[in-house]
């Protein structure tokens, strides 16, 4: 089986990515596809649309949802400490809301 070469990317330092939220915009210029950019119009990624490629829209949504998905995952692994049962319920509800919103954004349902 032939494998594609993968680029070596250095591990990210904490908090070094472009802050979210990220938005899906039309590309500047003549590119066919989508531009993913922060609220201050900093381009984060391009998703190039190829002929017969229905995945471009889905890929763009997934990339744009990355900051929210990361936030939801970080919330899930935060130590519980000595929270009361009520605090744990509230925290679980908060995590659930963050995760549902991130998934909705990634699936284009937001």
Foldseek 3Di string as FASTA:
>chain_A
DDDDDDDDDDDDDPPPADDDQWDWDPDPDDFAATFIAHPVRHTDDTQGDDPPDPCRVLVNQLVNLVNLCVVLVVLVPPDPPPDDPVRVVVSVVVSVVSNVVSVCSSVVND
